[in-house]
Amino acid sequence: MDKKKEILAKIEDAGRAILIDALLEEVLRGRGEVSEEEIQRYYKENPTLFKEPQEIKIRHIVVNTEPTLKEVVTKLSQGEPFEKLASAYNVGNFKEDGEI
C-alpha cells in the first residue's frame, strides 16, 4: 500500500513540474531576445555582479627539522622555484607545490 502512495506522489510531482514548465514557457514567450542596449544598461546598473572577488593563494613548505628548514630557505634565497622546493621537501599530506 505504501508503494502505491509513493507512485501517486511521484505522478503528482511530475504533473506539477509539467504545469510549471508550461506556465514558465508561456510567461517568457517573446522575451527571448535582448538588445545590446539592454545588456549594456544591465551591466552598467549592476557592476558588482560582474566583478570577481580578489583571490589569494597561500603556499607553504612543511619540514621536520631546522637544518632542512635552513637548506630550503637558502635555496629559496638563491632563486630556486618555490614549487620545486615544496615538491621536494614538503612532509605529510600537503600538496606537492605547497598550495593550501
N, C-alpha and C. Protein backbone atom coordinates (compact mmCIF):
# COMPACT_ATOMS: atom_id res chain seq x y z
N MET A 1 0.82 -1.19 0.00
CA MET A 1 0.00 0.00 0.00
C MET A 1 0.87 1.26 0.00
N ASP A 2 1.99 1.27 0.72
CA ASP A 2 2.88 2.42 0.77
C ASP A 2 3.51 2.69 -0.60
N LYS A 3 3.79 1.64 -1.33
CA LYS A 3 4.36 1.78 -2.67
C LYS A 3 3.40 2.54 -3.58
N LYS A 4 2.13 2.23 -3.44
CA LYS A 4 1.10 2.88 -4.26
C LYS A 4 1.06 4.38 -3.96
N LYS A 5 1.18 4.74 -2.68
CA LYS A 5 1.19 6.16 -2.30
C LYS A 5 2.42 6.86 -2.87
N GLU A 6 3.55 6.16 -2.83
CA GLU A 6 4.79 6.72 -3.37
C GLU A 6 4.64 7.00 -4.86
N ILE A 7 4.06 6.05 -5.58
CA ILE A 7 3.87 6.18 -7.02
C ILE A 7 2.91 7.33 -7.32
N LEU A 8 1.83 7.42 -6.58
CA LEU A 8 0.88 8.52 -6.78
C LEU A 8 1.52 9.88 -6.50
N ALA A 9 2.36 9.94 -5.47
CA ALA A 9 3.04 11.19 -5.14
C ALA A 9 4.00 11.58 -6.27
N LYS A 10 4.69 10.60 -6.85
CA LYS A 10 5.60 10.90 -7.96
C LYS A 10 4.83 11.38 -9.18
N ILE A 11 3.68 10.80 -9.43
CA ILE A 11 2.85 11.22 -10.56
C ILE A 11 2.38 12.66 -10.35
N GLU A 12 1.97 12.99 -9.13
CA GLU A 12 1.54 14.35 -8.82
C GLU A 12 2.70 15.33 -8.99
N ASP A 13 3.89 14.95 -8.53
CA ASP A 13 5.07 15.82 -8.68
C ASP A 13 5.38 16.05 -10.15
N ALA A 14 5.32 14.99 -10.94
CA ALA A 14 5.61 15.12 -12.37
C ALA A 14 4.58 16.03 -13.04
N GLY A 15 3.32 15.90 -12.66
CA GLY A 15 2.27 16.76 -13.21
C GLY A 15 2.50 18.21 -12.86
N ARG A 16 2.87 18.47 -11.61
CA ARG A 16 3.18 19.84 -11.19
C ARG A 16 4.35 20.40 -11.99
N ALA A 17 5.38 19.59 -12.19
CA ALA A 17 6.55 20.04 -12.94
C ALA A 17 6.18 20.40 -14.37
N ILE A 18 5.32 19.60 -14.98
CA ILE A 18 4.87 19.87 -16.35
C ILE A 18 4.08 21.18 -16.40
N LEU A 19 3.21 21.39 -15.43
CA LEU A 19 2.42 22.63 -15.38
C LEU A 19 3.32 23.85 -15.18
N ILE A 20 4.29 23.72 -14.31
CA ILE A 20 5.22 24.84 -14.05
C ILE A 20 6.00 25.15 -15.31
N ASP A 21 6.51 24.12 -16.00
CA ASP A 21 7.24 24.34 -17.25
C ASP A 21 6.37 25.04 -18.29
N ALA A 22 5.13 24.60 -18.42
CA ALA A 22 4.22 25.21 -19.39
C ALA A 22 3.95 26.66 -19.04
N LEU A 23 3.75 26.94 -17.76
CA LEU A 23 3.49 28.31 -17.32
C LEU A 23 4.71 29.20 -17.58
N LEU A 24 5.88 28.71 -17.24
CA LEU A 24 7.10 29.49 -17.48
C LEU A 24 7.28 29.77 -18.97
N GLU A 25 7.05 28.76 -19.78
CA GLU A 25 7.18 28.94 -21.23
C GLU A 25 6.22 30.02 -21.73
N GLU A 26 5.00 30.00 -21.23
CA GLU A 26 4.00 30.99 -21.65
C GLU A 26 4.39 32.39 -21.19
N VAL A 27 4.84 32.50 -19.96
CA VAL A 27 5.20 33.81 -19.40
C VAL A 27 6.43 34.37 -20.11
N LEU A 28 7.38 33.53 -20.42
CA LEU A 28 8.63 34.01 -21.00
C LEU A 28 8.60 34.10 -22.53
N ARG A 29 7.56 33.63 -23.14
CA ARG A 29 7.45 33.68 -24.60
C ARG A 29 7.56 35.13 -25.07
N GLY A 30 8.37 35.34 -26.07
CA GLY A 30 8.55 36.69 -26.60
C GLY A 30 9.61 37.48 -25.88
N ARG A 31 10.17 36.93 -24.85
CA ARG A 31 11.21 37.65 -24.10
C ARG A 31 12.59 37.04 -24.34
N GLY A 32 12.69 36.21 -25.34
CA GLY A 32 13.93 35.51 -25.60
C GLY A 32 15.04 36.37 -26.16
N GLU A 33 14.69 37.47 -26.80
CA GLU A 33 15.70 38.33 -27.42
C GLU A 33 15.93 39.56 -26.56
N VAL A 34 17.19 39.85 -26.31
CA VAL A 34 17.57 41.00 -25.51
C VAL A 34 18.48 41.85 -26.38
N SER A 35 18.20 43.14 -26.43
CA SER A 35 19.01 44.02 -27.28
C SER A 35 20.36 44.30 -26.63
N GLU A 36 21.30 44.73 -27.46
CA GLU A 36 22.64 45.08 -26.98
C GLU A 36 22.54 46.22 -25.96
N GLU A 37 21.64 47.15 -26.20
CA GLU A 37 21.47 48.29 -25.29
C GLU A 37 21.00 47.82 -23.91
N GLU A 38 20.07 46.85 -23.90
CA GLU A 38 19.58 46.31 -22.62
C GLU A 38 20.70 45.61 -21.86
N ILE A 39 21.53 44.90 -22.60
CA ILE A 39 22.66 44.21 -21.98
C ILE A 39 23.62 45.23 -21.36
N GLN A 40 23.96 46.26 -22.13
CA GLN A 40 24.89 47.30 -21.63
C GLN A 40 24.31 48.03 -20.42
N ARG A 41 23.03 48.35 -20.48
CA ARG A 41 22.38 49.04 -19.36
C ARG A 41 22.42 48.17 -18.10
N TYR A 42 22.07 46.89 -18.25
CA TYR A 42 22.09 45.98 -17.11
C TYR A 42 23.50 45.87 -16.53
N TYR A 43 24.47 45.77 -17.41
CA TYR A 43 25.87 45.66 -16.98
C TYR A 43 26.29 46.90 -16.18
N LYS A 44 25.93 48.08 -16.69
CA LYS A 44 26.29 49.33 -16.01
C LYS A 44 25.53 49.52 -14.70
N GLU A 45 24.30 49.03 -14.64
CA GLU A 45 23.48 49.20 -13.42
C GLU A 45 23.81 48.17 -12.34
N ASN A 46 24.52 47.11 -12.70
CA ASN A 46 24.82 46.04 -11.74
C ASN A 46 26.30 45.66 -11.75
N PRO A 47 27.19 46.61 -11.52
CA PRO A 47 28.63 46.32 -11.65
C PRO A 47 29.13 45.26 -10.67
N THR A 48 28.52 45.18 -9.49
CA THR A 48 29.01 44.21 -8.51
C THR A 48 28.76 42.77 -8.92
N LEU A 49 27.80 42.55 -9.80
CA LEU A 49 27.52 41.19 -10.26
C LEU A 49 28.59 40.68 -11.22
N PHE A 50 29.40 41.59 -11.75
CA PHE A 50 30.36 41.22 -12.78
C PHE A 50 31.81 41.35 -12.32
N LYS A 51 32.01 41.58 -11.06
CA LYS A 51 33.37 41.66 -10.52
C LYS A 51 33.70 40.36 -9.82
N GLU A 52 34.89 39.85 -10.11
CA GLU A 52 35.32 38.63 -9.44
C GLU A 52 36.01 39.01 -8.13
N PRO A 53 35.75 38.25 -7.09
CA PRO A 53 36.38 38.57 -5.82
C PRO A 53 37.90 38.37 -5.91
N GLN A 54 38.61 39.15 -5.12
CA GLN A 54 40.06 39.01 -5.09
C GLN A 54 40.41 37.62 -4.58
N GLU A 55 41.39 37.02 -5.21
CA GLU A 55 41.79 35.67 -4.83
C GLU A 55 43.23 35.72 -4.35
N ILE A 56 43.47 35.08 -3.24
CA ILE A 56 44.82 35.00 -2.69
C ILE A 56 45.18 33.54 -2.58
N LYS A 57 46.35 33.19 -3.12
CA LYS A 57 46.82 31.81 -2.99
C LYS A 57 47.91 31.78 -1.92
N ILE A 58 47.78 30.80 -1.05
CA ILE A 58 48.75 30.64 0.02
C ILE A 58 49.47 29.33 -0.19
N ARG A 59 50.80 29.39 -0.10
CA ARG A 59 51.58 28.16 -0.24
C ARG A 59 52.56 28.09 0.93
N HIS A 60 52.94 26.88 1.26
CA HIS A 60 53.90 26.72 2.34
C HIS A 60 54.72 25.45 2.12
N ILE A 61 55.83 25.40 2.84
CA ILE A 61 56.65 24.20 2.84
C ILE A 61 56.76 23.77 4.30
N VAL A 62 56.41 22.53 4.57
CA VAL A 62 56.46 21.99 5.93
C VAL A 62 57.62 21.00 5.99
N VAL A 63 58.53 21.24 6.94
CA VAL A 63 59.67 20.36 7.12
C VAL A 63 59.73 19.88 8.56
N ASN A 64 60.54 18.85 8.80
CA ASN A 64 60.62 18.27 10.14
C ASN A 64 61.77 18.80 10.99
N THR A 65 62.82 19.29 10.36
CA THR A 65 64.00 19.68 11.13
C THR A 65 64.46 21.09 10.77
N GLU A 66 65.19 21.69 11.71
CA GLU A 66 65.71 23.04 11.46
C GLU A 66 66.79 23.04 10.37
N PRO A 67 67.68 22.03 10.32
CA PRO A 67 68.66 22.03 9.23
C PRO A 67 67.99 21.98 7.84
N THR A 68 66.90 21.21 7.73
CA THR A 68 66.18 21.15 6.47
C THR A 68 65.56 22.51 6.16
N LEU A 69 65.02 23.15 7.19
CA LEU A 69 64.45 24.48 7.03
C LEU A 69 65.49 25.46 6.50
N LYS A 70 66.68 25.45 7.09
CA LYS A 70 67.75 26.36 6.65
C LYS A 70 68.15 26.08 5.21
N GLU A 71 68.18 24.80 4.85
CA GLU A 71 68.52 24.41 3.48
C GLU A 71 67.48 24.96 2.49
N VAL A 72 66.21 24.82 2.83
CA VAL A 72 65.14 25.31 1.97
C VAL A 72 65.21 26.83 1.84
N VAL A 73 65.41 27.53 2.95
CA VAL A 73 65.47 28.99 2.93
C VAL A 73 66.65 29.45 2.08
N THR A 74 67.78 28.78 2.20
CA THR A 74 68.96 29.11 1.40
C THR A 74 68.66 28.95 -0.09
N LYS A 75 68.05 27.83 -0.44
CA LYS A 75 67.74 27.58 -1.85
C LYS A 75 66.72 28.58 -2.38
N LEU A 76 65.74 28.96 -1.55
CA LEU A 76 64.77 29.98 -1.96
C LEU A 76 65.46 31.32 -2.21
N SER A 77 66.39 31.69 -1.32
CA SER A 77 67.09 32.97 -1.47
C SER A 77 68.01 32.95 -2.68
N GLN A 78 68.40 31.76 -3.15
CA GLN A 78 69.23 31.65 -4.35
C GLN A 78 68.39 31.61 -5.62
N GLY A 79 67.06 31.67 -5.46
CA GLY A 79 66.19 31.77 -6.62
C GLY A 79 65.57 30.47 -7.10
N GLU A 80 65.72 29.40 -6.35
CA GLU A 80 65.09 28.13 -6.78
C GLU A 80 63.58 28.28 -6.71
N PRO A 81 62.87 27.69 -7.65
CA PRO A 81 61.41 27.81 -7.66
C PRO A 81 60.76 27.20 -6.43
N PHE A 82 59.83 27.97 -5.86
CA PHE A 82 59.12 27.53 -4.66
C PHE A 82 58.46 26.17 -4.87
N GLU A 83 57.77 26.01 -6.03
CA GLU A 83 57.05 24.76 -6.30
C GLU A 83 57.98 23.56 -6.29
N LYS A 84 59.18 23.75 -6.85
CA LYS A 84 60.16 22.65 -6.90
C LYS A 84 60.59 22.27 -5.49
N LEU A 85 60.85 23.27 -4.66
CA LEU A 85 61.28 23.00 -3.28
C LEU A 85 60.14 22.40 -2.47
N ALA A 86 58.93 22.90 -2.67
CA ALA A 86 57.77 22.35 -1.95
C ALA A 86 57.59 20.88 -2.31
N SER A 87 57.76 20.57 -3.57
CA SER A 87 57.60 19.19 -4.03
C SER A 87 58.67 18.29 -3.43
N ALA A 88 59.87 18.82 -3.30
CA ALA A 88 60.99 18.02 -2.80
C ALA A 88 61.01 17.89 -1.28
N TYR A 89 60.59 18.94 -0.57
CA TYR A 89 60.78 18.96 0.88
C TYR A 89 59.51 18.82 1.72
N ASN A 90 58.35 19.09 1.18
CA ASN A 90 57.13 19.02 1.98
C ASN A 90 56.94 17.63 2.58
N VAL A 91 56.52 17.62 3.84
CA VAL A 91 56.23 16.34 4.51
C VAL A 91 54.73 16.28 4.80
N GLY A 92 54.22 15.11 4.95
CA GLY A 92 52.80 14.96 5.31
C GLY A 92 51.92 14.99 4.09
N ASN A 93 50.66 15.34 4.33
CA ASN A 93 49.63 15.30 3.28
C ASN A 93 49.43 16.65 2.60
N PHE A 94 50.49 17.36 2.33
CA PHE A 94 50.38 18.66 1.69
C PHE A 94 50.53 18.52 0.19
N LYS A 95 49.94 19.45 -0.54
CA LYS A 95 50.03 19.40 -1.99
C LYS A 95 51.50 19.52 -2.39
N GLU A 96 51.80 18.96 -3.53
CA GLU A 96 53.19 18.94 -3.97
C GLU A 96 53.78 20.34 -4.19
N ASP A 97 52.96 21.32 -4.64
CA ASP A 97 53.50 22.65 -4.89
C ASP A 97 53.41 23.56 -3.68
N GLY A 98 52.93 23.02 -2.56
CA GLY A 98 52.83 23.79 -1.33
C GLY A 98 51.56 24.58 -1.18
N GLU A 99 50.66 24.51 -2.17
CA GLU A 99 49.42 25.28 -2.11
C GLU A 99 48.49 24.68 -1.06
N ILE A 100 47.89 25.58 -0.31
CA ILE A 100 46.97 25.15 0.75
C ILE A 100 45.58 25.04 0.19
